[in-house]
Amino acid sequence: MINEEIIIRQMKEGNQLAFTLLFNEYSKQVYSLAFKYLYNRELAEDVVQNVFFKIWEKKKDIDESRPFNRYLFTILKNDLLNVLRDKDKEIFRISDNLNLLNTLANETEEPELDEEQLRLVRRAIEQLSPQKRKIVELKISGKYSNQEIADKLNLSINTIKFQYSQALKELRMTIRLSSFMLLLLGGL
């Protein structure tokens, strides 16, 4: 980059080309970090847009004498925390979700919808890596403890806990997006 201080000063004056230069310089880094924490391309892209929208919106507040990347990554961190906080409020643990969907399938007047939701959950599990899929299947069966799964798969208990945690994150995201699409399609 030529001189970040000058570009920031120009952006603060409303120069859209200067803003575009900053976007081009940092958007890939912002996306990579967002994807690392969210495991979802669309959400990561939304975060990039939100971060740069906030930068443009608050451009007058930027201190061009301080490192821009520090300002940028503070906004990114706060946005990621908000997304993750919202995600946690909206998403059930996968085992709870499976139990809920099974209960609904037995009690609902719209079995097609519940069957579709169950298919979404099963499809999400199928998309996991073979090891994560096996861990999730053993875990949600309710028959095995973490130690028993570790012994059965010849892995450490910490690996089981970590892989299960990662699998749940992936499943939550997949189910959330699939459910949203189902809701959209069902509303047509």
Protein backbone atom coordinates (compact mmCIF):
# COMPACT_ATOMS: atom_id res chain seq x y z
CA MET A 1 0.00 0.00 0.00
CA ILE A 2 1.34 3.46 -0.88
CA ASN A 3 0.68 5.39 2.32
CA GLU A 4 -2.12 4.18 4.53
CA GLU A 5 -2.29 7.44 6.49
CA ILE A 6 -2.99 9.45 3.34
CA ILE A 7 -5.56 6.94 2.10
CA ILE A 8 -7.37 6.97 5.45
CA ARG A 9 -7.36 10.76 5.48
CA GLN A 10 -8.86 10.77 1.96
CA MET A 11 -11.47 8.21 2.98
CA LYS A 12 -12.42 10.35 5.98
CA GLU A 13 -13.10 13.15 3.50
CA GLY A 14 -15.52 10.87 1.63
CA ASN A 15 -13.21 9.59 -1.12
CA GLN A 16 -14.75 6.30 -2.24
CA LEU A 17 -11.67 5.26 -4.18
CA ALA A 18 -9.61 5.44 -0.97
CA PHE A 19 -12.24 3.28 0.75
CA THR A 20 -12.09 0.80 -2.13
CA LEU A 21 -8.31 0.60 -1.79
CA LEU A 22 -8.65 -0.23 1.91
CA PHE A 23 -11.36 -2.78 1.15
CA ASN A 24 -9.18 -4.45 -1.48
CA GLU A 25 -6.22 -4.46 0.89
CA TYR A 26 -7.98 -5.98 3.91
CA SER A 27 -11.17 -7.77 2.84
CA LYS A 28 -9.48 -11.14 2.24
CA GLN A 29 -7.92 -11.10 5.71
CA VAL A 30 -11.25 -10.15 7.28
CA TYR A 31 -13.01 -12.92 5.36
CA SER A 32 -10.40 -15.52 6.35
CA LEU A 33 -10.68 -14.69 10.02
CA ALA A 34 -14.48 -14.58 9.91
CA PHE A 35 -14.61 -17.95 8.15
CA LYS A 36 -12.17 -19.43 10.67
CA TYR A 37 -14.62 -18.70 13.48
CA LEU A 38 -17.96 -19.12 11.71
CA TYR A 39 -17.29 -22.11 9.40
CA ASN A 40 -19.70 -20.62 6.91
CA ARG A 41 -18.97 -18.73 3.70
CA GLU A 42 -22.17 -16.71 3.58
CA LEU A 43 -21.90 -15.57 7.19
CA ALA A 44 -18.22 -14.71 6.69
CA GLU A 45 -19.13 -12.64 3.62
CA ASP A 46 -21.84 -10.88 5.63
CA VAL A 47 -19.30 -10.08 8.33
CA VAL A 48 -16.94 -8.58 5.73
CA GLN A 49 -19.74 -6.37 4.45
CA ASN A 50 -20.76 -5.34 7.98
CA VAL A 51 -17.21 -4.52 9.01
CA PHE A 52 -16.54 -2.33 5.99
CA PHE A 53 -19.96 -0.73 6.21
CA LYS A 54 -19.17 0.25 9.81
CA ILE A 55 -15.78 1.59 8.75
CA TRP A 56 -17.40 3.76 6.08
CA GLU A 57 -20.17 4.81 8.45
CA LYS A 58 -17.68 5.81 11.19
CA LYS A 59 -14.88 7.01 8.94
CA LYS A 60 -14.72 10.39 10.69
CA ASP A 61 -13.81 8.63 13.97
CA ILE A 62 -10.71 6.91 12.58
CA ASP A 63 -7.40 8.20 13.90
CA GLU A 64 -5.13 8.04 10.84
CA SER A 65 -2.01 8.29 13.00
CA ARG A 66 -2.79 4.89 14.57
CA PRO A 67 -2.51 1.55 12.76
CA PHE A 68 -5.63 1.03 10.69
CA ASN A 69 -5.50 -2.74 11.01
CA ARG A 70 -5.90 -2.45 14.80
CA TYR A 71 -9.08 -0.40 14.29
CA LEU A 72 -10.31 -2.80 11.60
CA PHE A 73 -9.73 -5.94 13.65
CA THR A 74 -11.41 -4.43 16.71
CA ILE A 75 -14.54 -3.90 14.60
CA LEU A 76 -14.17 -7.43 13.22
CA LYS A 77 -13.79 -8.93 16.70
CA ASN A 78 -16.92 -7.16 17.95
CA ASP A 79 -18.93 -8.16 14.89
CA LEU A 80 -17.84 -11.80 15.22
CA LEU A 81 -18.78 -11.82 18.90
CA ASN A 82 -22.23 -10.47 18.01
CA VAL A 83 -22.73 -13.10 15.30
CA LEU A 84 -21.58 -15.92 17.59
CA ARG A 85 -23.75 -14.65 20.44
CA ASP A 86 -26.79 -14.51 18.13
CA LYS A 87 -25.95 -17.95 16.76
CA ASP A 88 -25.87 -19.44 20.26
CA LYS A 89 -29.27 -17.95 21.09
CA GLU A 90 -30.89 -19.38 17.96
CA ILE A 91 -29.39 -22.83 17.65
CA PHE A 92 -30.09 -25.94 19.71
CA ARG A 93 -27.47 -28.52 20.53
CA ILE A 94 -27.69 -31.18 17.82
CA SER A 95 -28.78 -33.96 20.18
CA ASP A 96 -31.55 -31.74 21.57
CA ASN A 97 -32.52 -30.86 18.02
CA LEU A 98 -32.76 -34.53 17.04
CA ASN A 99 -34.90 -35.33 20.09
CA LEU A 100 -37.13 -32.34 19.41
CA LEU A 101 -37.53 -33.27 15.75
CA ASN A 102 -38.34 -36.89 16.64
CA THR A 103 -40.96 -35.73 19.16
CA LEU A 104 -42.45 -33.33 16.65
CA ALA A 105 -42.56 -36.03 13.98
CA ASN A 106 -44.74 -38.14 16.29
CA GLU A 107 -47.07 -35.35 17.43
CA THR A 108 -47.44 -32.92 14.56
CA GLU A 109 -50.24 -32.42 12.09
CA GLU A 110 -47.66 -31.71 9.38
CA PRO A 111 -45.48 -34.85 9.24
CA GLU A 112 -44.00 -33.85 5.87
CA LEU A 113 -42.36 -30.80 7.40
CA ASP A 114 -40.88 -32.76 10.30
CA GLU A 115 -39.66 -35.50 8.00
CA GLU A 116 -37.96 -32.80 5.94
CA GLN A 117 -36.32 -31.39 9.07
CA LEU A 118 -35.11 -34.86 10.05
CA ARG A 119 -33.70 -35.28 6.54
CA LEU A 120 -31.88 -31.97 6.93
CA VAL A 121 -30.30 -33.15 10.17
CA ARG A 122 -29.32 -36.49 8.66
CA ARG A 123 -27.92 -34.76 5.57
CA ALA A 124 -25.92 -32.39 7.78
CA ILE A 125 -24.45 -35.36 9.67
CA GLU A 126 -23.56 -37.05 6.37
CA GLN A 127 -21.58 -33.97 5.34
CA LEU A 128 -19.22 -34.32 8.31
CA SER A 129 -15.84 -35.97 7.92
CA PRO A 130 -16.01 -39.75 8.56
CA GLN A 131 -14.36 -39.43 11.98
CA LYS A 132 -16.60 -36.59 13.17
CA ARG A 133 -19.66 -38.38 11.81
CA LYS A 134 -18.79 -41.55 13.76
CA ILE A 135 -18.20 -39.56 16.97
CA VAL A 136 -21.53 -37.72 16.60
CA GLU A 137 -23.43 -40.93 15.85
CA LEU A 138 -21.95 -42.69 18.88
CA LYS A 139 -22.51 -39.65 21.10
CA ILE A 140 -26.14 -38.99 20.15
CA SER A 141 -27.03 -42.66 20.43
CA GLY A 142 -26.70 -42.04 24.17
CA LYS A 143 -25.01 -45.41 24.66
CA TYR A 144 -21.41 -44.25 24.94
CA SER A 145 -19.48 -41.87 27.15
CA ASN A 146 -16.59 -39.80 25.78
CA GLN A 147 -14.14 -42.31 27.28
CA GLU A 148 -15.93 -45.27 25.68
CA ILE A 149 -15.94 -43.52 22.31
CA ALA A 150 -12.23 -42.73 22.71
CA ASP A 151 -11.49 -46.39 23.50
CA LYS A 152 -13.67 -47.64 20.65
CA LEU A 153 -12.03 -45.33 18.07
CA ASN A 154 -8.49 -45.54 19.48
CA LEU A 155 -8.35 -41.78 20.09
CA SER A 156 -7.66 -39.65 23.14
CA ILE A 157 -10.61 -38.35 25.13
CA ASN A 158 -9.48 -34.79 24.36
CA THR A 159 -9.61 -35.56 20.63
CA ILE A 160 -13.15 -36.89 21.06
CA LYS A 161 -14.24 -33.76 22.95
CA PHE A 162 -12.62 -31.43 20.42
CA GLN A 163 -13.91 -33.31 17.35
CA TYR A 164 -17.41 -33.47 18.83
CA SER A 165 -17.36 -29.77 19.60
CA GLN A 166 -16.19 -28.96 16.07
CA ALA A 167 -18.80 -31.30 14.58
CA LEU A 168 -21.56 -29.58 16.57
CA LYS A 169 -20.44 -26.19 15.29
CA GLU A 170 -20.54 -27.45 11.71
CA LEU A 171 -23.92 -29.12 12.23
CA ARG A 172 -25.46 -26.07 13.86
CA MET A 173 -24.43 -23.92 10.96
CA THR A 174 -25.61 -26.38 8.32
CA ILE A 175 -28.93 -27.00 10.08
CA ARG A 176 -29.50 -23.32 10.67
CA LEU A 177 -28.98 -22.47 7.01
CA SER A 178 -30.95 -25.48 5.77
CA SER A 179 -33.84 -24.69 8.13
CA PHE A 180 -33.84 -21.12 6.94
CA MET A 181 -34.00 -22.29 3.32
CA LEU A 182 -36.79 -24.72 4.22
CA LEU A 183 -38.68 -21.90 5.88
CA LEU A 184 -38.23 -19.72 2.80
CA LEU A 185 -39.33 -22.49 0.44
CA GLY A 186 -42.23 -23.46 2.71
CA GLY A 187 -43.45 -19.88 2.68
CA LEU A 188 -43.79 -19.83 -1.11
